[in-house]
Amino acid sequence: MADAAGLPRIHLHEVRHSYLTAGRRARLDTKALSQRAGHSTVSLTMETYMHGDLEADRQVAHDMAALILSGLPAIPGEEVS
């Protein structure tokens, strides 16, 4: 079926990784994903299945750069260095 659909062959357990990673990328509730996976803790899900995402890392870097370059608003009582 995978060949007919033009998809790579993967093991059934890899579907689990894909499912949880897709849920994370869609910014679904991590607790709900963890429960659906049958894990006892969210941290187990995060450490085991939610591998780093280069695109998410790039987006964080871009968003932080935009925030810094736009000039952060002053926080009352804090000195600007």
N, C-alpha and C. Protein backbone atom coordinates (compact mmCIF):
# COMPACT_ATOMS: atom_id res chain seq x y z
N MET A 1 0.82 -1.20 0.00
CA MET A 1 0.00 0.00 0.00
C MET A 1 0.86 1.25 0.00
N ALA A 2 1.95 1.23 0.78
CA ALA A 2 2.84 2.39 0.83
C ALA A 2 3.43 2.66 -0.55
N ASP A 3 3.88 1.61 -1.22
CA ASP A 3 4.46 1.78 -2.56
C ASP A 3 3.42 2.36 -3.52
N ALA A 4 2.20 1.84 -3.48
CA ALA A 4 1.14 2.30 -4.37
C ALA A 4 0.80 3.77 -4.13
N ALA A 5 0.93 4.20 -2.88
CA ALA A 5 0.62 5.59 -2.53
C ALA A 5 1.83 6.51 -2.70
N GLY A 6 2.99 5.93 -3.04
CA GLY A 6 4.19 6.74 -3.19
C GLY A 6 4.78 7.20 -1.87
N LEU A 7 4.50 6.45 -0.81
CA LEU A 7 4.99 6.80 0.52
C LEU A 7 6.16 5.91 0.90
N PRO A 8 7.04 6.41 1.77
CA PRO A 8 8.15 5.56 2.22
C PRO A 8 7.62 4.45 3.12
N ARG A 9 8.33 3.34 3.12
CA ARG A 9 7.98 2.25 4.02
C ARG A 9 8.52 2.57 5.41
N ILE A 10 7.65 2.50 6.40
CA ILE A 10 8.08 2.74 7.77
C ILE A 10 7.48 1.65 8.65
N HIS A 11 8.09 1.46 9.83
CA HIS A 11 7.56 0.52 10.80
C HIS A 11 6.36 1.14 11.49
N LEU A 12 5.48 0.29 11.97
CA LEU A 12 4.27 0.76 12.63
C LEU A 12 4.59 1.69 13.81
N HIS A 13 5.65 1.39 14.56
CA HIS A 13 6.00 2.24 15.70
C HIS A 13 6.38 3.65 15.26
N GLU A 14 6.91 3.78 14.05
CA GLU A 14 7.26 5.11 13.54
C GLU A 14 6.02 5.97 13.30
N VAL A 15 4.89 5.32 13.07
CA VAL A 15 3.63 6.06 12.93
C VAL A 15 3.33 6.81 14.23
N ARG A 16 3.63 6.19 15.35
CA ARG A 16 3.43 6.80 16.66
C ARG A 16 4.26 8.07 16.78
N HIS A 17 5.52 8.00 16.38
CA HIS A 17 6.38 9.19 16.41
C HIS A 17 5.79 10.29 15.52
N SER A 18 5.38 9.90 14.33
CA SER A 18 4.82 10.87 13.38
C SER A 18 3.56 11.52 13.93
N TYR A 19 2.70 10.72 14.54
CA TYR A 19 1.45 11.20 15.11
C TYR A 19 1.71 12.25 16.19
N LEU A 20 2.59 11.91 17.12
CA LEU A 20 2.88 12.82 18.22
C LEU A 20 3.62 14.06 17.75
N THR A 21 4.54 13.89 16.82
CA THR A 21 5.28 15.04 16.29
C THR A 21 4.34 15.97 15.52
N ALA A 22 3.44 15.41 14.72
CA ALA A 22 2.47 16.23 14.00
C ALA A 22 1.58 17.00 14.97
N GLY A 23 1.18 16.36 16.04
CA GLY A 23 0.36 17.03 17.05
C GLY A 23 1.09 18.18 17.71
N ARG A 24 2.37 17.96 17.98
CA ARG A 24 3.17 19.04 18.58
C ARG A 24 3.32 20.20 17.61
N ARG A 25 3.61 19.88 16.34
CA ARG A 25 3.77 20.94 15.33
C ARG A 25 2.48 21.74 15.14
N ALA A 26 1.35 21.08 15.33
CA ALA A 26 0.05 21.75 15.22
C ALA A 26 -0.29 22.50 16.50
N ARG A 27 0.62 22.45 17.46
CA ARG A 27 0.46 23.11 18.76
C ARG A 27 -0.75 22.61 19.52
N LEU A 28 -0.99 21.29 19.40
CA LEU A 28 -2.05 20.67 20.18
C LEU A 28 -1.59 20.57 21.63
N ASP A 29 -2.52 20.44 22.53
CA ASP A 29 -2.22 20.36 23.95
C ASP A 29 -1.33 19.15 24.23
N THR A 30 -0.15 19.40 24.78
CA THR A 30 0.82 18.34 25.03
C THR A 30 0.29 17.32 26.03
N LYS A 31 -0.44 17.77 27.02
CA LYS A 31 -1.02 16.85 28.01
C LYS A 31 -1.99 15.89 27.33
N ALA A 32 -2.82 16.43 26.45
CA ALA A 32 -3.79 15.59 25.74
C ALA A 32 -3.08 14.58 24.83
N LEU A 33 -2.03 15.02 24.14
CA LEU A 33 -1.26 14.10 23.30
C LEU A 33 -0.64 12.99 24.14
N SER A 34 -0.10 13.37 25.28
CA SER A 34 0.53 12.40 26.17
C SER A 34 -0.49 11.37 26.65
N GLN A 35 -1.68 11.83 27.00
CA GLN A 35 -2.72 10.92 27.45
C GLN A 35 -3.15 9.98 26.32
N ARG A 36 -3.27 10.51 25.10
CA ARG A 36 -3.66 9.67 23.96
C ARG A 36 -2.60 8.62 23.68
N ALA A 37 -1.35 8.94 23.97
CA ALA A 37 -0.26 7.98 23.77
C ALA A 37 -0.22 6.94 24.89
N GLY A 38 -0.96 7.22 25.98
CA GLY A 38 -0.98 6.29 27.10
C GLY A 38 0.21 6.42 28.02
N HIS A 39 0.85 7.59 27.99
CA HIS A 39 2.01 7.80 28.85
C HIS A 39 1.59 8.27 30.24
N SER A 40 2.42 7.96 31.22
CA SER A 40 2.12 8.34 32.59
C SER A 40 2.42 9.81 32.86
N THR A 41 3.35 10.39 32.10
CA THR A 41 3.71 11.80 32.30
C THR A 41 3.93 12.49 30.96
N VAL A 42 3.72 13.80 30.96
CA VAL A 42 3.99 14.60 29.78
C VAL A 42 5.48 14.59 29.47
N SER A 43 6.31 14.60 30.51
CA SER A 43 7.76 14.63 30.29
C SER A 43 8.23 13.38 29.55
N LEU A 44 7.62 12.24 29.80
CA LEU A 44 7.97 11.02 29.07
C LEU A 44 7.68 11.21 27.58
N THR A 45 6.54 11.76 27.28
CA THR A 45 6.18 12.01 25.88
C THR A 45 7.17 12.97 25.24
N MET A 46 7.46 14.06 25.92
CA MET A 46 8.35 15.07 25.37
C MET A 46 9.75 14.51 25.14
N GLU A 47 10.27 13.77 26.10
CA GLU A 47 11.64 13.26 26.00
C GLU A 47 11.75 12.13 24.99
N THR A 48 10.71 11.35 24.84
CA THR A 48 10.78 10.16 24.00
C THR A 48 10.39 10.43 22.55
N TYR A 49 9.34 11.21 22.34
CA TYR A 49 8.77 11.32 21.01
C TYR A 49 8.87 12.69 20.36
N MET A 50 9.08 13.71 21.12
CA MET A 50 9.04 15.05 20.56
C MET A 50 10.45 15.56 20.30
N HIS A 51 11.03 15.07 19.24
CA HIS A 51 12.39 15.45 18.89
C HIS A 51 12.44 16.90 18.44
N GLY A 52 13.63 17.48 18.52
CA GLY A 52 13.81 18.86 18.11
C GLY A 52 13.37 19.08 16.68
N ASP A 53 12.84 20.22 16.43
CA ASP A 53 12.32 20.57 15.12
C ASP A 53 13.09 21.79 14.63
N LEU A 54 13.88 21.60 13.58
CA LEU A 54 14.72 22.68 13.07
C LEU A 54 13.88 23.88 12.64
N GLU A 55 12.75 23.64 12.01
CA GLU A 55 11.90 24.74 11.58
C GLU A 55 11.34 25.52 12.77
N ALA A 56 10.94 24.81 13.83
CA ALA A 56 10.45 25.49 15.03
C ALA A 56 11.57 26.31 15.66
N ASP A 57 12.79 25.76 15.67
CA ASP A 57 13.94 26.48 16.22
C ASP A 57 14.21 27.75 15.40
N ARG A 58 14.14 27.64 14.11
CA ARG A 58 14.32 28.81 13.24
C ARG A 58 13.27 29.87 13.51
N GLN A 59 12.03 29.43 13.71
CA GLN A 59 10.94 30.38 13.96
C GLN A 59 11.16 31.11 15.28
N VAL A 60 11.61 30.40 16.31
CA VAL A 60 11.90 31.04 17.60
C VAL A 60 13.01 32.06 17.43
N ALA A 61 14.07 31.68 16.71
CA ALA A 61 15.19 32.62 16.48
C ALA A 61 14.71 33.85 15.73
N HIS A 62 13.89 33.65 14.71
CA HIS A 62 13.36 34.77 13.92
C HIS A 62 12.48 35.67 14.78
N ASP A 63 11.58 35.08 15.56
CA ASP A 63 10.68 35.86 16.41
C ASP A 63 11.44 36.64 17.47
N MET A 64 12.46 36.01 18.07
CA MET A 64 13.25 36.71 19.09
C MET A 64 14.06 37.85 18.47
N ALA A 65 14.63 37.62 17.30
CA ALA A 65 15.37 38.69 16.62
C ALA A 65 14.45 39.86 16.29
N ALA A 66 13.25 39.56 15.81
CA ALA A 66 12.30 40.62 15.49
C ALA A 66 11.92 41.40 16.75
N LEU A 67 11.72 40.69 17.84
CA LEU A 67 11.38 41.33 19.10
C LEU A 67 12.50 42.25 19.57
N ILE A 68 13.73 41.76 19.53
CA ILE A 68 14.88 42.54 19.98
C ILE A 68 15.12 43.74 19.07
N LEU A 69 15.05 43.53 17.77
CA LEU A 69 15.33 44.61 16.83
C LEU A 69 14.23 45.67 16.80
N SER A 70 13.03 45.30 17.22
CA SER A 70 11.94 46.28 17.22
C SER A 70 12.02 47.19 18.43
N GLY A 71 12.89 46.87 19.36
CA GLY A 71 13.04 47.70 20.55
C GLY A 71 12.06 47.25 21.62
N LEU A 72 12.58 46.64 22.63
CA LEU A 72 11.74 46.18 23.72
C LEU A 72 11.21 47.34 24.52
N PRO A 73 9.96 47.24 24.97
CA PRO A 73 9.43 48.31 25.81
C PRO A 73 10.16 48.31 27.15
N ALA A 74 10.35 49.47 27.71
CA ALA A 74 11.04 49.58 28.99
C ALA A 74 10.19 48.98 30.11
N ILE A 75 10.88 48.32 31.01
CA ILE A 75 10.22 47.77 32.20
C ILE A 75 10.43 48.77 33.33
N PRO A 76 9.35 49.25 33.92
CA PRO A 76 9.48 50.26 34.98
C PRO A 76 10.42 49.79 36.09
N GLY A 77 11.36 50.65 36.47
CA GLY A 77 12.30 50.36 37.53
C GLY A 77 13.54 49.62 37.10
N GLU A 78 13.65 49.27 35.82
CA GLU A 78 14.82 48.55 35.32
C GLU A 78 15.65 49.48 34.46
N GLU A 79 16.97 49.40 34.68
CA GLU A 79 17.88 50.22 33.87
C GLU A 79 18.11 49.56 32.51
N VAL A 80 18.24 50.40 31.49
CA VAL A 80 18.58 49.90 30.15
C VAL A 80 20.07 49.98 30.00
N SER A 81 20.71 48.87 29.60
CA SER A 81 22.17 48.91 29.44
C SER A 81 22.57 48.95 28.00
